[in-house]
Amino acid sequence: MKLNKTQQTAIKKFLETNKEYFGLREFEIVVRPEIEDEPMTVSRVIADIYEHTLTIIICPLYLNQTKEKKINTLIHELIHARVNVFEQKWKISSNELRKAQEAIKNEEEEFMVNDITKGFLRFNNDIKTSTKDI
């Protein structure tokens, strides 16, 4: 069995109607049938935070499910999408945080080296002055 246009439209409408409950309001939903036959997979999702799209891939096994299981599967994919979006955003913010921490570290290191250099030069001058008569 293959996903037909009517089914594809109904799935998209269901996902569009319910995506807001999962914090996915700003994402466009794309529903497409699985091109390669994955016998053990019902569906899967690909989230793209840059394009703001969620691509829900429906596999042939999905079509053999009861209506209730189909609904559960679609909700399951929305949850996966939300987790995936979070993970992508977390990686971006973690990278930005690491860059900011690295910049602070480098700046502090430069201040520290300058302070030590100034202190050493003053110390060296003080030693020369204080030991003049030794």
N, C-alpha and C. Protein backbone atom coordinates (compact mmCIF):
# COMPACT_ATOMS: atom_id res chain seq x y z
N MET A 1 0.83 -1.19 0.00
CA MET A 1 0.00 0.00 0.00
C MET A 1 0.87 1.25 0.00
N LYS A 2 0.41 2.25 -0.70
CA LYS A 2 1.12 3.53 -0.77
C LYS A 2 0.24 4.64 -0.24
N LEU A 3 0.89 5.66 0.27
CA LEU A 3 0.21 6.84 0.77
C LEU A 3 -0.33 7.64 -0.41
N ASN A 4 -1.64 7.87 -0.43
CA ASN A 4 -2.21 8.66 -1.53
C ASN A 4 -2.33 10.13 -1.11
N LYS A 5 -2.68 10.98 -2.06
CA LYS A 5 -2.75 12.43 -1.80
C LYS A 5 -3.78 12.78 -0.73
N THR A 6 -4.92 12.10 -0.72
CA THR A 6 -5.96 12.37 0.28
C THR A 6 -5.43 12.07 1.68
N GLN A 7 -4.77 10.92 1.82
CA GLN A 7 -4.19 10.56 3.12
C GLN A 7 -3.10 11.56 3.52
N GLN A 8 -2.29 11.92 2.57
CA GLN A 8 -1.20 12.87 2.82
C GLN A 8 -1.77 14.21 3.30
N THR A 9 -2.82 14.68 2.66
CA THR A 9 -3.46 15.94 3.03
C THR A 9 -4.08 15.83 4.44
N ALA A 10 -4.73 14.72 4.72
CA ALA A 10 -5.36 14.52 6.04
C ALA A 10 -4.30 14.48 7.14
N ILE A 11 -3.19 13.82 6.88
CA ILE A 11 -2.10 13.74 7.87
C ILE A 11 -1.53 15.13 8.11
N LYS A 12 -1.29 15.86 7.03
CA LYS A 12 -0.74 17.22 7.17
C LYS A 12 -1.69 18.11 7.96
N LYS A 13 -2.97 18.03 7.68
CA LYS A 13 -3.97 18.84 8.40
C LYS A 13 -3.95 18.50 9.89
N PHE A 14 -3.90 17.21 10.21
CA PHE A 14 -3.86 16.79 11.61
C PHE A 14 -2.61 17.36 12.31
N LEU A 15 -1.45 17.23 11.64
CA LEU A 15 -0.20 17.72 12.23
C LEU A 15 -0.20 19.24 12.36
N GLU A 16 -0.69 19.93 11.34
CA GLU A 16 -0.77 21.40 11.39
C GLU A 16 -1.67 21.86 12.53
N THR A 17 -2.77 21.17 12.72
CA THR A 17 -3.73 21.52 13.77
C THR A 17 -3.14 21.31 15.16
N ASN A 18 -2.27 20.31 15.32
CA ASN A 18 -1.79 19.94 16.65
C ASN A 18 -0.35 20.35 16.96
N LYS A 19 0.38 20.87 16.01
CA LYS A 19 1.78 21.21 16.24
C LYS A 19 1.97 22.28 17.32
N GLU A 20 0.99 23.17 17.45
CA GLU A 20 1.08 24.24 18.44
C GLU A 20 1.18 23.69 19.87
N TYR A 21 0.52 22.57 20.14
CA TYR A 21 0.55 21.96 21.47
C TYR A 21 1.95 21.51 21.86
N PHE A 22 2.83 21.38 20.89
CA PHE A 22 4.17 20.86 21.13
C PHE A 22 5.25 21.93 20.94
N GLY A 23 4.82 23.20 20.87
CA GLY A 23 5.77 24.29 20.73
C GLY A 23 6.39 24.35 19.34
N LEU A 24 5.65 23.91 18.33
CA LEU A 24 6.18 23.86 16.97
C LEU A 24 5.41 24.77 16.02
N ARG A 25 4.81 25.80 16.55
CA ARG A 25 3.95 26.70 15.78
C ARG A 25 4.66 27.28 14.57
N GLU A 26 5.92 27.65 14.73
CA GLU A 26 6.63 28.34 13.64
C GLU A 26 7.15 27.40 12.55
N PHE A 27 6.90 26.12 12.69
CA PHE A 27 7.40 25.16 11.71
C PHE A 27 6.36 24.81 10.65
N GLU A 28 6.83 24.72 9.42
CA GLU A 28 5.98 24.27 8.32
C GLU A 28 6.04 22.74 8.30
N ILE A 29 4.92 22.12 8.10
CA ILE A 29 4.83 20.66 8.05
C ILE A 29 4.89 20.20 6.59
N VAL A 30 5.74 19.23 6.36
CA VAL A 30 5.82 18.57 5.05
C VAL A 30 5.59 17.08 5.30
N VAL A 31 4.65 16.51 4.59
CA VAL A 31 4.38 15.07 4.72
C VAL A 31 4.76 14.43 3.40
N ARG A 32 5.55 13.38 3.51
CA ARG A 32 5.90 12.66 2.29
C ARG A 32 5.97 11.17 2.56
N PRO A 33 5.67 10.39 1.57
CA PRO A 33 5.77 8.93 1.74
C PRO A 33 7.23 8.51 1.72
N GLU A 34 7.49 7.41 2.38
CA GLU A 34 8.84 6.84 2.37
C GLU A 34 9.13 6.31 0.98
N ILE A 35 10.25 6.71 0.44
CA ILE A 35 10.62 6.25 -0.90
C ILE A 35 11.23 4.85 -0.82
N GLU A 36 12.12 4.68 0.14
CA GLU A 36 12.73 3.36 0.34
C GLU A 36 11.86 2.59 1.32
N ASP A 37 11.64 1.35 1.05
CA ASP A 37 10.79 0.54 1.91
C ASP A 37 11.55 0.15 3.17
N GLU A 38 11.10 0.63 4.31
CA GLU A 38 11.66 0.26 5.60
C GLU A 38 10.63 -0.60 6.31
N PRO A 39 10.77 -1.91 6.26
CA PRO A 39 9.72 -2.80 6.76
C PRO A 39 9.41 -2.66 8.25
N MET A 40 10.36 -2.21 9.06
CA MET A 40 10.11 -2.15 10.50
C MET A 40 9.79 -0.73 10.98
N THR A 41 9.77 0.22 10.08
CA THR A 41 9.55 1.62 10.47
C THR A 41 8.15 2.06 10.07
N VAL A 42 7.47 2.71 10.99
CA VAL A 42 6.12 3.20 10.75
C VAL A 42 6.19 4.62 10.18
N SER A 43 7.02 5.44 10.80
CA SER A 43 7.18 6.82 10.37
C SER A 43 8.44 7.38 11.02
N ARG A 44 8.85 8.52 10.52
CA ARG A 44 9.96 9.22 11.16
C ARG A 44 9.86 10.69 10.82
N VAL A 45 10.65 11.51 11.51
CA VAL A 45 10.57 12.96 11.32
C VAL A 45 11.98 13.52 11.14
N ILE A 46 12.05 14.55 10.30
CA ILE A 46 13.29 15.30 10.14
C ILE A 46 12.96 16.75 10.44
N ALA A 47 13.61 17.31 11.45
CA ALA A 47 13.38 18.71 11.82
C ALA A 47 14.54 19.55 11.32
N ASP A 48 14.22 20.68 10.73
CA ASP A 48 15.25 21.61 10.25
C ASP A 48 14.96 22.98 10.88
N ILE A 49 15.78 23.34 11.87
CA ILE A 49 15.51 24.60 12.58
C ILE A 49 15.89 25.83 11.76
N TYR A 50 16.71 25.65 10.75
CA TYR A 50 17.10 26.80 9.91
C TYR A 50 16.00 27.11 8.89
N GLU A 51 15.42 26.07 8.32
CA GLU A 51 14.35 26.25 7.34
C GLU A 51 12.97 26.28 8.01
N HIS A 52 12.92 25.96 9.30
CA HIS A 52 11.67 25.87 10.06
C HIS A 52 10.69 24.90 9.41
N THR A 53 11.20 23.72 9.09
CA THR A 53 10.34 22.69 8.51
C THR A 53 10.44 21.40 9.31
N LEU A 54 9.33 20.71 9.35
CA LEU A 54 9.28 19.36 9.91
C LEU A 54 8.82 18.46 8.78
N THR A 55 9.65 17.54 8.40
CA THR A 55 9.28 16.60 7.35
C THR A 55 8.91 15.29 8.03
N ILE A 56 7.64 14.94 7.92
CA ILE A 56 7.13 13.69 8.48
C ILE A 56 7.12 12.67 7.34
N ILE A 57 7.86 11.61 7.54
CA ILE A 57 7.96 10.57 6.51
C ILE A 57 7.08 9.40 6.95
N ILE A 58 6.14 9.08 6.10
CA ILE A 58 5.18 8.01 6.40
C ILE A 58 5.59 6.75 5.62
N CYS A 59 5.81 5.68 6.36
CA CYS A 59 6.22 4.41 5.75
C CYS A 59 4.98 3.53 5.52
N PRO A 60 5.08 2.55 4.64
CA PRO A 60 3.93 1.68 4.34
C PRO A 60 3.31 1.02 5.57
N LEU A 61 4.11 0.70 6.57
CA LEU A 61 3.60 0.06 7.78
C LEU A 61 2.55 0.93 8.48
N TYR A 62 2.68 2.24 8.36
CA TYR A 62 1.73 3.18 8.96
C TYR A 62 0.31 2.91 8.44
N LEU A 63 0.21 2.62 7.16
CA LEU A 63 -1.10 2.45 6.53
C LEU A 63 -1.84 1.21 7.02
N ASN A 64 -1.14 0.27 7.62
CA ASN A 64 -1.75 -0.96 8.13
C ASN A 64 -2.27 -0.79 9.56
N GLN A 65 -2.07 0.38 10.16
CA GLN A 65 -2.47 0.59 11.54
C GLN A 65 -3.94 0.99 11.65
N THR A 66 -4.47 0.83 12.87
CA THR A 66 -5.83 1.32 13.14
C THR A 66 -5.79 2.84 13.22
N LYS A 67 -6.94 3.47 13.15
CA LYS A 67 -7.02 4.94 13.22
C LYS A 67 -6.38 5.45 14.50
N GLU A 68 -6.68 4.79 15.62
CA GLU A 68 -6.12 5.21 16.92
C GLU A 68 -4.60 5.12 16.91
N LYS A 69 -4.06 4.04 16.37
CA LYS A 69 -2.60 3.88 16.30
C LYS A 69 -1.98 4.92 15.37
N LYS A 70 -2.68 5.25 14.29
CA LYS A 70 -2.17 6.28 13.38
C LYS A 70 -2.06 7.62 14.10
N ILE A 71 -3.09 7.96 14.87
CA ILE A 71 -3.07 9.20 15.63
C ILE A 71 -1.93 9.18 16.64
N ASN A 72 -1.78 8.07 17.35
CA ASN A 72 -0.68 7.93 18.31
C ASN A 72 0.67 8.08 17.62
N THR A 73 0.80 7.51 16.44
CA THR A 73 2.05 7.60 15.68
C THR A 73 2.35 9.05 15.32
N LEU A 74 1.34 9.78 14.86
CA LEU A 74 1.57 11.17 14.48
C LEU A 74 1.93 12.04 15.69
N ILE A 75 1.27 11.81 16.81
CA ILE A 75 1.62 12.51 18.05
C ILE A 75 3.04 12.16 18.46
N HIS A 76 3.37 10.89 18.35
CA HIS A 76 4.72 10.40 18.65
C HIS A 76 5.76 11.16 17.81
N GLU A 77 5.47 11.36 16.54
CA GLU A 77 6.40 12.07 15.66
C GLU A 77 6.49 13.56 16.02
N LEU A 78 5.39 14.16 16.45
CA LEU A 78 5.45 15.56 16.91
C LEU A 78 6.33 15.69 18.14
N ILE A 79 6.26 14.70 19.03
CA ILE A 79 7.12 14.71 20.22
C ILE A 79 8.58 14.55 19.80
N HIS A 80 8.84 13.61 18.90
CA HIS A 80 10.21 13.46 18.39
C HIS A 80 10.70 14.76 17.76
N ALA A 81 9.84 15.42 17.01
CA ALA A 81 10.20 16.68 16.36
C ALA A 81 10.58 17.72 17.41
N ARG A 82 9.77 17.82 18.46
CA ARG A 82 10.06 18.82 19.51
C ARG A 82 11.37 18.54 20.19
N VAL A 83 11.65 17.27 20.50
CA VAL A 83 12.91 16.88 21.12
C VAL A 83 14.07 17.21 20.18
N ASN A 84 13.90 16.90 18.91
CA ASN A 84 14.93 17.15 17.91
C ASN A 84 15.22 18.64 17.78
N VAL A 85 14.18 19.45 17.77
CA VAL A 85 14.35 20.91 17.70
C VAL A 85 15.12 21.39 18.92
N PHE A 86 14.74 20.91 20.10
CA PHE A 86 15.45 21.28 21.33
C PHE A 86 16.92 20.91 21.23
N GLU A 87 17.22 19.69 20.79
CA GLU A 87 18.61 19.23 20.70
C GLU A 87 19.41 20.10 19.73
N GLN A 88 18.81 20.46 18.60
CA GLN A 88 19.52 21.31 17.65
C GLN A 88 19.79 22.70 18.24
N LYS A 89 18.79 23.27 18.89
CA LYS A 89 18.96 24.59 19.50
C LYS A 89 19.97 24.53 20.64
N TRP A 90 19.96 23.45 21.38
CA TRP A 90 20.91 23.27 22.49
C TRP A 90 22.33 23.24 21.95
N LYS A 91 22.56 22.51 20.87
CA LYS A 91 23.90 22.43 20.28
C LYS A 91 24.37 23.82 19.84
N ILE A 92 23.47 24.57 19.22
CA ILE A 92 23.84 25.91 18.77
C ILE A 92 24.18 26.79 19.96
N SER A 93 23.32 26.79 20.98
CA SER A 93 23.58 27.65 22.14
C SER A 93 24.81 27.18 22.89
N SER A 94 25.06 25.89 22.95
CA SER A 94 26.26 25.37 23.61
C SER A 94 27.51 25.82 22.88
N ASN A 95 27.47 25.78 21.54
CA ASN A 95 28.61 26.25 20.75
C ASN A 95 28.85 27.73 20.96
N GLU A 96 27.76 28.51 20.97
CA GLU A 96 27.89 29.95 21.19
C GLU A 96 28.43 30.24 22.59
N LEU A 97 27.96 29.48 23.58
CA LEU A 97 28.43 29.65 24.94
C LEU A 97 29.91 29.31 25.04
N ARG A 98 30.31 28.20 24.39
CA ARG A 98 31.72 27.82 24.40
C ARG A 98 32.59 28.91 23.77
N LYS A 99 32.11 29.48 22.66
CA LYS A 99 32.87 30.55 22.01
C LYS A 99 32.99 31.77 22.93
N ALA A 100 31.90 32.12 23.60
CA ALA A 100 31.92 33.25 24.53
C ALA A 100 32.86 32.97 25.70
N GLN A 101 32.81 31.76 26.24
CA GLN A 101 33.70 31.40 27.34
C GLN A 101 35.16 31.44 26.89
N GLU A 102 35.42 30.98 25.69
CA GLU A 102 36.78 30.99 25.15
C GLU A 102 37.28 32.43 25.00
N ALA A 103 36.40 33.32 24.52
CA ALA A 103 36.78 34.73 24.37
C ALA A 103 37.09 35.36 25.73
N ILE A 104 36.26 35.05 26.74
CA ILE A 104 36.49 35.56 28.10
C ILE A 104 37.80 35.01 28.64
N LYS A 105 38.04 33.74 28.45
CA LYS A 105 39.28 33.11 28.92
C LYS A 105 40.49 33.79 28.28
N ASN A 106 40.43 33.99 26.96
CA ASN A 106 41.55 34.62 26.26
C ASN A 106 41.79 36.04 26.75
N GLU A 107 40.68 36.77 26.97
CA GLU A 107 40.80 38.15 27.46
C GLU A 107 41.40 38.16 28.86
N GLU A 108 40.90 37.29 29.73
CA GLU A 108 41.42 37.22 31.10
C GLU A 108 42.88 36.79 31.11
N GLU A 109 43.23 35.87 30.23
CA GLU A 109 44.62 35.42 30.14
C GLU A 109 45.52 36.59 29.75
N GLU A 110 45.06 37.40 28.79
CA GLU A 110 45.83 38.57 28.35
C GLU A 110 45.99 39.57 29.50
N PHE A 111 44.89 39.83 30.24
CA PHE A 111 44.97 40.73 31.40
C PHE A 111 45.96 40.17 32.43
N MET A 112 45.88 38.88 32.68
CA MET A 112 46.74 38.25 33.67
C MET A 112 48.21 38.37 33.26
N VAL A 113 48.52 38.09 32.00
CA VAL A 113 49.90 38.19 31.52
C VAL A 113 50.38 39.63 31.62
N ASN A 114 49.52 40.58 31.25
CA ASN A 114 49.90 42.01 31.37
C ASN A 114 50.15 42.39 32.82
N ASP A 115 49.27 41.94 33.73
CA ASP A 115 49.44 42.24 35.16
C ASP A 115 50.74 41.65 35.69
N ILE A 116 51.02 40.41 35.32
CA ILE A 116 52.24 39.75 35.78
C ILE A 116 53.46 40.47 35.21
N THR A 117 53.39 40.85 33.94
CA THR A 117 54.52 41.55 33.32
C THR A 117 54.77 42.88 34.02
N LYS A 118 53.70 43.66 34.25
CA LYS A 118 53.85 44.93 34.95
C LYS A 118 54.41 44.71 36.36
N GLY A 119 53.86 43.72 37.03
CA GLY A 119 54.33 43.41 38.39
C GLY A 119 55.79 42.99 38.39
N PHE A 120 56.17 42.18 37.42
CA PHE A 120 57.56 41.73 37.35
C PHE A 120 58.50 42.90 37.07
N LEU A 121 58.08 43.79 36.14
CA LEU A 121 58.92 44.95 35.83
C LEU A 121 59.06 45.86 37.05
N ARG A 122 57.94 46.08 37.78
CA ARG A 122 58.02 46.89 39.00
C ARG A 122 58.89 46.19 40.05
N PHE A 123 58.68 44.89 40.19
CA PHE A 123 59.47 44.10 41.14
C PHE A 123 60.95 44.20 40.79
N ASN A 124 61.25 44.03 39.51
CA ASN A 124 62.64 44.08 39.06
C ASN A 124 63.24 45.46 39.35
N ASN A 125 62.46 46.51 39.10
CA ASN A 125 62.93 47.87 39.38
C ASN A 125 63.10 48.07 40.88
N ASP A 126 62.12 47.58 41.68
CA ASP A 126 62.21 47.71 43.13
C ASP A 126 63.41 46.95 43.68
N ILE A 127 63.71 45.80 43.13
CA ILE A 127 64.85 45.00 43.57
C ILE A 127 66.15 45.79 43.30
N LYS A 128 66.23 46.35 42.10
CA LYS A 128 67.44 47.12 41.76
C LYS A 128 67.59 48.30 42.70
N THR A 129 66.47 48.98 43.01
CA THR A 129 66.50 50.14 43.88
C THR A 129 66.80 49.73 45.32
N SER A 130 66.12 48.69 45.79
CA SER A 130 66.25 48.31 47.21
C SER A 130 67.55 47.57 47.50
N THR A 131 68.20 47.05 46.51
CA THR A 131 69.43 46.28 46.74
C THR A 131 70.66 47.07 46.30
N LYS A 132 70.46 48.34 46.03
CA LYS A 132 71.57 49.16 45.55
C LYS A 132 72.70 49.16 46.57
N ASP A 133 72.36 49.17 47.82
CA ASP A 133 73.40 49.26 48.87
C ASP A 133 73.78 47.91 49.45
N ILE A 134 73.24 46.83 48.95
CA ILE A 134 73.55 45.50 49.52
C ILE A 134 74.91 45.07 49.08
